[in-house]
């Protein structure tokens, strides 16, 4: 019963995030899933749910992306995914839990500092994009927390909000698809995993619809502040508490 409730909640959170409620909800999914499974399973099982959500997001933001940034960051993101998958398959679960805690707290720190990035004086360099892509691929493969380096880099670029959202959507849709063969090769994902979470996939469009409904009825600043507190507590718990 706990497994069913946790997976259902995770599907709704992914949908809510894609419906406009913020990336913090996706980051929260992996720590929640680790309550009923090891970290490697949590990362792998959430991937099909994320891919389904990406389909809806791509439809909503179709062709609003800038391929320059995709071409800049994706090649080294693939390398980061490979390294992250190797670590995910090799490291013991207690180490992965602490790494997940660190990645979660890094996301919180990024969100607290992101407003300063938009006002920073910045001279674009291609190698910044390469580094952001590699770090995003690594974080995504290890803990589904690839957003901070990618978003930090994009906030420093002079792009419009639709291009920002569209480029982010396409980049992570591609990253999630690329993760599939890596996880299969690492024996972390197989077809039997799909049968465990297939029933929860219809909850994703429900979450997207609910997110779009809530986004105009909720104080976004208050909601994000609450989510950051929750994420900080989840990150600290993963770092400090022993798994049950």
Protein backbone atom coordinates (compact mmCIF):
# COMPACT_ATOMS: atom_id res chain seq x y z
CA UNK A 1 0.00 0.00 0.00
CA UNK A 2 2.84 2.42 0.85
CA UNK A 3 4.43 1.75 -2.56
CA UNK A 4 1.15 2.54 -4.37
CA UNK A 5 0.60 5.77 -2.44
CA UNK A 6 4.19 6.96 -2.93
CA UNK A 7 4.21 6.24 -6.68
CA UNK A 8 0.79 7.90 -7.10
CA UNK A 9 2.00 10.99 -5.23
CA UNK A 10 5.18 11.09 -7.32
CA UNK A 11 3.18 10.97 -10.57
CA UNK A 12 0.97 13.83 -9.40
CA UNK A 13 4.00 15.89 -8.36
CA UNK A 14 5.62 15.40 -11.79
CA UNK A 15 2.37 16.49 -13.45
CA UNK A 16 2.00 19.50 -11.15
CA UNK A 17 5.55 20.56 -12.00
CA UNK A 18 4.92 20.36 -15.75
CA UNK A 19 1.64 22.22 -15.17
CA UNK A 20 3.56 25.26 -13.99
CA UNK A 21 4.11 24.68 -10.28
CA UNK A 22 7.91 24.65 -10.49
CA UNK A 23 10.91 22.33 -10.79
CA UNK A 24 11.12 21.88 -7.02
CA UNK A 25 8.32 19.31 -7.23
CA UNK A 26 10.32 17.10 -9.61
CA UNK A 27 13.36 17.33 -7.34
CA UNK A 28 11.17 16.17 -4.44
CA UNK A 29 10.08 13.01 -6.29
CA UNK A 30 13.29 11.02 -5.84
CA UNK A 31 13.58 11.63 -2.06
CA UNK A 32 9.93 10.62 -1.69
CA UNK A 33 10.42 7.40 -3.66
CA UNK A 34 13.44 6.48 -1.52
CA UNK A 35 11.01 5.95 1.36
CA UNK A 36 9.93 2.67 -0.25
CA UNK A 37 12.90 1.70 -2.45
CA UNK A 38 16.68 2.17 -2.90
CA UNK A 39 17.93 5.35 -4.58
CA UNK A 40 18.90 3.57 -7.82
CA UNK A 41 15.38 2.13 -8.14
CA UNK A 42 13.84 5.53 -7.36
CA UNK A 43 15.83 7.23 -10.14
CA UNK A 44 15.07 4.44 -12.63
CA UNK A 45 11.37 4.04 -11.87
CA UNK A 46 10.69 7.76 -12.05
CA UNK A 47 12.21 7.98 -15.54
CA UNK A 48 9.20 6.57 -17.49
CA UNK A 49 6.93 8.97 -15.59
CA UNK A 50 9.19 11.90 -16.47
CA UNK A 51 9.25 10.90 -20.15
CA UNK A 52 5.43 10.79 -20.29
CA UNK A 53 5.34 14.25 -18.70
CA UNK A 54 7.92 15.48 -21.24
CA UNK A 55 5.56 14.56 -24.09
CA UNK A 56 2.90 16.91 -22.73
CA UNK A 57 5.47 19.65 -22.06
CA UNK A 58 6.94 19.40 -25.59
CA UNK A 59 3.46 19.71 -27.05
CA UNK A 60 2.83 22.84 -24.97
CA UNK A 61 6.14 24.52 -25.90
CA UNK A 62 6.67 23.09 -29.39
CA UNK A 63 9.42 24.84 -31.39
CA UNK A 64 9.91 27.65 -28.87
CA UNK A 65 13.43 26.40 -28.11
CA UNK A 66 16.80 27.71 -29.29
CA UNK A 67 18.84 24.88 -30.80
CA UNK A 68 22.11 26.78 -30.24
CA UNK A 69 21.95 26.00 -26.52
CA UNK A 70 20.88 22.39 -27.12
CA UNK A 71 23.85 21.80 -29.44
CA UNK A 72 26.15 23.52 -26.96
CA UNK A 73 25.16 21.56 -23.84
CA UNK A 74 23.84 18.18 -24.96
CA UNK A 75 27.12 16.48 -26.06
CA UNK A 76 28.77 16.78 -22.65
CA UNK A 77 25.43 16.09 -20.96
CA UNK A 78 25.63 12.64 -22.57
CA UNK A 79 29.04 12.16 -20.97
CA UNK A 80 27.65 13.33 -17.62
CA UNK A 81 24.79 10.84 -17.93
CA UNK A 82 27.27 8.03 -18.54
CA UNK A 83 29.34 8.94 -15.48
CA UNK A 84 26.23 9.39 -13.35
CA UNK A 85 24.78 6.04 -14.42
CA UNK A 86 28.07 4.29 -13.63
CA UNK A 87 28.07 5.80 -10.13
CA UNK A 88 24.39 4.94 -9.67
CA UNK A 89 25.09 1.29 -10.51
CA UNK A 90 28.33 1.09 -8.52
CA UNK A 91 27.89 3.00 -5.27
CA UNK A 92 26.16 1.50 -2.21
CA UNK A 93 22.71 2.81 -1.34
CA UNK A 94 23.80 4.65 1.81
CA UNK A 95 26.35 6.66 -0.21
CA UNK A 96 23.75 7.37 -2.91
CA UNK A 97 21.32 8.62 -0.25
CA UNK A 98 23.86 11.10 1.00
CA UNK A 99 24.69 12.21 -2.52
CA UNK A 100 20.97 12.67 -3.15
CA UNK A 101 20.81 14.78 0.01
CA UNK A 102 23.69 16.94 -1.24
CA UNK A 103 22.10 17.39 -4.68
CA UNK A 104 18.78 18.32 -3.05
CA UNK A 105 20.42 20.95 -0.85
CA UNK A 106 22.35 22.30 -3.85
CA UNK A 107 19.01 22.79 -5.61
CA UNK A 108 17.68 24.71 -2.59
CA UNK A 109 20.80 26.92 -2.56
CA UNK A 110 20.48 27.51 -6.29
CA UNK A 111 16.84 28.62 -5.96
CA UNK A 112 17.75 31.01 -3.16
CA UNK A 113 20.52 32.57 -5.26
CA UNK A 114 18.91 32.45 -8.72
CA UNK A 115 17.50 35.98 -8.53
CA UNK A 116 21.05 37.31 -8.31
CA UNK A 117 22.04 35.43 -11.47
CA UNK A 118 19.59 37.41 -13.59
CA UNK A 119 21.18 40.71 -12.53
CA UNK A 120 24.80 39.55 -12.70
CA UNK A 121 27.23 41.08 -15.17
CA UNK A 122 28.21 38.22 -17.44
CA UNK A 123 30.35 37.59 -20.50
CA UNK A 124 29.13 34.44 -22.34
CA UNK A 125 31.68 31.70 -22.99
CA UNK A 126 31.01 28.41 -24.78
CA UNK A 127 32.87 26.44 -22.13
CA UNK A 128 30.34 27.62 -19.55
CA UNK A 129 27.69 25.79 -21.59
CA UNK A 130 29.83 22.66 -21.86
CA UNK A 131 30.31 22.63 -18.09
CA UNK A 132 26.61 23.26 -17.42
CA UNK A 133 25.65 20.43 -19.78
CA UNK A 134 28.02 17.94 -18.15
CA UNK A 135 26.87 18.87 -14.65
CA UNK A 136 23.20 18.67 -15.67
CA UNK A 137 23.68 15.21 -17.19
CA UNK A 138 25.50 13.99 -14.09
CA UNK A 139 22.89 15.38 -11.69
CA UNK A 140 20.00 14.06 -13.76
CA UNK A 141 21.44 10.53 -13.97
CA UNK A 142 22.36 10.36 -10.29
CA UNK A 143 19.31 11.93 -8.69
CA UNK A 144 16.98 13.61 -11.23
CA UNK A 145 18.47 16.95 -10.12
CA UNK A 146 19.99 18.22 -13.35
CA UNK A 147 18.07 21.50 -13.38
CA UNK A 148 20.31 23.84 -11.30
CA UNK A 149 23.42 23.99 -13.56
CA UNK A 150 21.37 24.15 -16.76
CA UNK A 151 18.99 26.78 -15.43
CA UNK A 152 21.77 28.83 -13.85
CA UNK A 153 23.51 28.97 -17.24
CA UNK A 154 20.30 29.84 -19.13
CA UNK A 155 19.41 32.61 -16.67
CA UNK A 156 22.63 34.34 -17.69
CA UNK A 157 21.70 34.26 -21.39
CA UNK A 158 19.67 36.99 -23.07
CA UNK A 159 16.65 34.89 -24.08
CA UNK A 160 12.93 35.54 -23.81
CA UNK A 161 10.82 33.60 -21.27
CA UNK A 162 9.17 31.39 -23.97
CA UNK A 163 12.58 30.48 -25.41
CA UNK A 164 13.92 29.84 -21.91
CA UNK A 165 11.06 27.45 -21.07
CA UNK A 166 11.07 25.79 -24.50
CA UNK A 167 14.83 25.20 -24.47
CA UNK A 168 14.68 23.81 -20.94
CA UNK A 169 11.81 21.51 -21.92
CA UNK A 170 13.57 20.10 -25.00
CA UNK A 171 16.93 19.71 -23.24
CA UNK A 172 15.55 17.63 -20.38
CA UNK A 173 13.24 15.65 -22.66
CA UNK A 174 16.34 14.62 -24.65
CA UNK A 175 18.34 13.97 -21.47
CA UNK A 176 15.60 11.70 -20.13
CA UNK A 177 15.45 9.74 -23.40
CA UNK A 178 19.24 9.38 -23.48
CA UNK A 179 19.17 8.03 -19.92
CA UNK A 180 17.08 5.02 -21.01
CA UNK A 181 19.82 3.03 -22.85
CA UNK A 182 22.37 3.95 -20.16
CA UNK A 183 20.09 2.64 -17.40
CA UNK A 184 19.23 -0.49 -19.40
CA UNK A 185 22.93 -1.16 -20.06
CA UNK A 186 23.62 -0.69 -16.34
CA UNK A 187 20.87 -3.23 -15.50
CA UNK A 188 18.99 -0.51 -13.61
CA UNK A 189 15.89 -0.46 -15.82
CA UNK A 190 13.93 -3.16 -17.64
CA UNK A 191 10.42 -3.81 -18.94
CA UNK A 192 9.28 -5.32 -15.65
CA UNK A 193 9.84 -1.90 -14.07
CA UNK A 194 7.28 -0.41 -16.44
CA UNK A 195 4.60 -2.80 -15.22
CA UNK A 196 5.18 -1.61 -11.65
CA UNK A 197 4.35 2.01 -12.45
CA UNK A 198 2.25 1.82 -15.66
CA UNK A 199 -0.98 2.25 -13.70
CA UNK A 200 0.24 5.62 -12.34
CA UNK A 201 0.89 7.25 -15.72
CA UNK A 202 -2.69 8.61 -16.16
CA UNK A 203 -2.13 10.64 -12.98
CA UNK A 204 0.45 12.78 -14.83
CA UNK A 205 -2.07 14.61 -17.10
CA UNK A 206 -4.31 14.97 -14.04
CA UNK A 207 -1.41 16.64 -12.24
CA UNK A 208 -0.71 18.89 -15.25
CA UNK A 209 -4.35 20.01 -15.36
CA UNK A 210 -4.37 20.57 -11.60
CA UNK A 211 -1.11 22.53 -11.83
CA UNK A 212 -2.50 24.84 -14.49
CA UNK A 213 -5.62 25.35 -12.38
CA UNK A 214 -3.63 26.11 -9.23
CA UNK A 215 -1.00 28.35 -10.79
CA UNK A 216 -3.49 31.21 -11.17
CA UNK A 217 -5.06 30.68 -7.75
CA UNK A 218 -2.06 30.32 -5.46
CA UNK A 219 0.58 32.75 -4.28
CA UNK A 220 3.56 31.41 -6.22
CA UNK A 221 6.15 33.00 -3.94
CA UNK A 222 4.64 31.49 -0.78
CA UNK A 223 4.28 28.09 -2.45
CA UNK A 224 7.90 28.04 -3.60
CA UNK A 225 9.14 29.11 -0.16
CA UNK A 226 7.23 26.23 1.46
CA UNK A 227 8.59 23.80 -1.13
CA UNK A 228 12.16 24.95 -0.45
CA UNK A 229 11.68 24.30 3.27
CA UNK A 230 10.35 20.82 2.47
CA UNK A 231 13.26 20.13 0.11
CA UNK A 232 15.79 21.36 2.68
CA UNK A 233 14.33 19.05 5.32
CA UNK A 234 14.32 16.14 2.83
CA UNK A 235 17.95 16.81 1.92
CA UNK A 236 19.03 17.00 5.56
CA UNK A 237 17.13 13.81 6.36
CA UNK A 238 18.89 11.96 3.54
CA UNK A 239 22.25 13.21 4.79
CA UNK A 240 21.78 12.66 8.51
CA UNK A 241 19.25 9.87 9.06
CA UNK A 242 19.90 6.18 8.58
CA UNK A 243 17.50 4.38 6.20
CA UNK A 244 14.88 2.25 7.84
